[in-house]
Amino acid sequence: MKEDFKDSVDLHIYKNDSEEAKDFEIRSSTNVFVNEESVPLEAALSNDKMKAYLQEKI
C-alpha cells in the first residue's frame, strides 16, 4: 500500500496491548485503522479491497 499511496499513508504497527491501542475496542488479532476508524475486516484482508477503501478515504 505504501508504494501505491506514497506520502498519503503513514504506517504504524502496534500490539493490541500498546498505549496507542488502549482507546480502541480490539476484538480480533487483525485490526486495521485509517484515521482512527476501523477498516472492515473484508477490506483489510484483500489488497484490491484495501486499495479501493483507501482511495475512497484519502
C-alpha atoms as a PDB file:
ATOM      1  CA  MET A   1       0.000   0.000   0.000  1.00  0.00           C
ATOM      2  CA  LYS A   2       2.873   2.354   0.778  1.00  0.00           C
ATOM      3  CA  GLU A   3       4.103   2.152  -2.827  1.00  0.00           C
ATOM      4  CA  ASP A   4       0.631   2.873  -4.218  1.00  0.00           C
ATOM      5  CA  PHE A   5      -0.205   5.741  -1.873  1.00  0.00           C
ATOM      6  CA  LYS A   6       3.308   7.162  -1.314  1.00  0.00           C
ATOM      7  CA  ASP A   7       3.101  10.087   1.123  1.00  0.00           C
ATOM      8  CA  SER A   8      -0.661   9.723   1.721  1.00  0.00           C
ATOM      9  CA  VAL A   9      -0.224   6.734   4.046  1.00  0.00           C
ATOM     10  CA  ASP A  10       1.838   6.645   7.224  1.00  0.00           C
ATOM     11  CA  LEU A  11       2.030   3.098   8.572  1.00  0.00           C
ATOM     12  CA  HIS A  12       2.288   2.256  12.262  1.00  0.00           C
ATOM     13  CA  ILE A  13       2.095  -1.242  13.706  1.00  0.00           C
ATOM     14  CA  TYR A  14       1.171  -1.672  17.355  1.00  0.00           C
ATOM     15  CA  LYS A  15       0.447  -4.641  19.583  1.00  0.00           C
ATOM     16  CA  ASN A  16      -3.089  -4.946  20.954  1.00  0.00           C
ATOM     17  CA  ASP A  17      -1.903  -4.059  24.459  1.00  0.00           C
ATOM     18  CA  SER A  18       0.086  -0.977  23.427  1.00  0.00           C
ATOM     19  CA  GLU A  19      -0.632   2.515  24.737  1.00  0.00           C
ATOM     20  CA  GLU A  20      -1.739   3.579  21.237  1.00  0.00           C
ATOM     21  CA  ALA A  21      -4.375   0.820  21.101  1.00  0.00           C
ATOM     22  CA  LYS A  22      -5.939   1.453  24.513  1.00  0.00           C
ATOM     23  CA  ASP A  23      -8.748   3.703  23.216  1.00  0.00           C
ATOM     24  CA  PHE A  24      -9.955   1.156  20.648  1.00  0.00           C
ATOM     25  CA  GLU A  25     -12.118  -1.917  21.062  1.00  0.00           C
ATOM     26  CA  ILE A  26      -9.885  -4.689  19.768  1.00  0.00           C
ATOM     27  CA  ARG A  27     -11.862  -7.874  19.074  1.00  0.00           C
ATOM     28  CA  SER A  28      -9.515  -9.983  16.977  1.00  0.00           C
ATOM     29  CA  SER A  29      -5.875 -10.376  16.034  1.00  0.00           C
ATOM     30  CA  THR A  30      -6.327  -8.468  12.750  1.00  0.00           C
ATOM     31  CA  ASN A  31      -7.287  -4.823  13.213  1.00  0.00           C
ATOM     32  CA  VAL A  32      -6.619  -2.061  10.719  1.00  0.00           C
ATOM     33  CA  PHE A  33      -7.456   1.586  11.303  1.00  0.00           C
ATOM     34  CA  VAL A  34      -7.431   4.527   8.891  1.00  0.00           C
ATOM     35  CA  ASN A  35      -7.653   7.939  10.505  1.00  0.00           C
ATOM     36  CA  GLU A  36      -8.668   6.267  13.774  1.00  0.00           C
ATOM     37  CA  GLU A  37     -11.604   4.440  12.114  1.00  0.00           C
ATOM     38  CA  SER A  38     -11.721   0.664  11.979  1.00  0.00           C
ATOM     39  CA  VAL A  39     -11.410  -0.800   8.484  1.00  0.00           C
ATOM     40  CA  PRO A  40     -13.827  -3.659   7.728  1.00  0.00           C
ATOM     41  CA  LEU A  41     -12.008  -6.991   8.019  1.00  0.00           C
ATOM     42  CA  GLU A  42     -13.020  -7.931   4.460  1.00  0.00           C
ATOM     43  CA  ALA A  43     -11.171  -4.866   3.135  1.00  0.00           C
ATOM     44  CA  ALA A  44      -8.203  -5.288   5.471  1.00  0.00           C
ATOM     45  CA  LEU A  45      -7.536  -8.822   4.209  1.00  0.00           C
ATOM     46  CA  SER A  46      -7.724  -8.055   0.478  1.00  0.00           C
ATOM     47  CA  ASN A  47      -5.196  -5.929  -1.425  1.00  0.00           C
ATOM     48  CA  ASP A  48      -7.758  -4.881  -4.031  1.00  0.00           C
ATOM     49  CA  LYS A  49     -10.454  -4.056  -1.486  1.00  0.00           C
ATOM     50  CA  MET A  50      -7.963  -2.203   0.721  1.00  0.00           C
ATOM     51  CA  LYS A  51      -6.790  -0.102  -2.238  1.00  0.00           C
ATOM     52  CA  ALA A  52     -10.396   0.786  -3.058  1.00  0.00           C
ATOM     53  CA  TYR A  53     -11.076   1.592   0.601  1.00  0.00           C
ATOM     54  CA  LEU A  54      -8.030   3.864   0.851  1.00  0.00           C
ATOM     55  CA  GLN A  55      -8.832   5.623  -2.429  1.00  0.00           C
ATOM     56  CA  GLU A  56     -12.258   6.438  -1.015  1.00  0.00           C
ATOM     57  CA  LYS A  57     -10.903   7.628   2.346  1.00  0.00           C
ATOM     58  CA  ILE A  58      -7.888   9.691   1.262  1.00  0.00           C
END
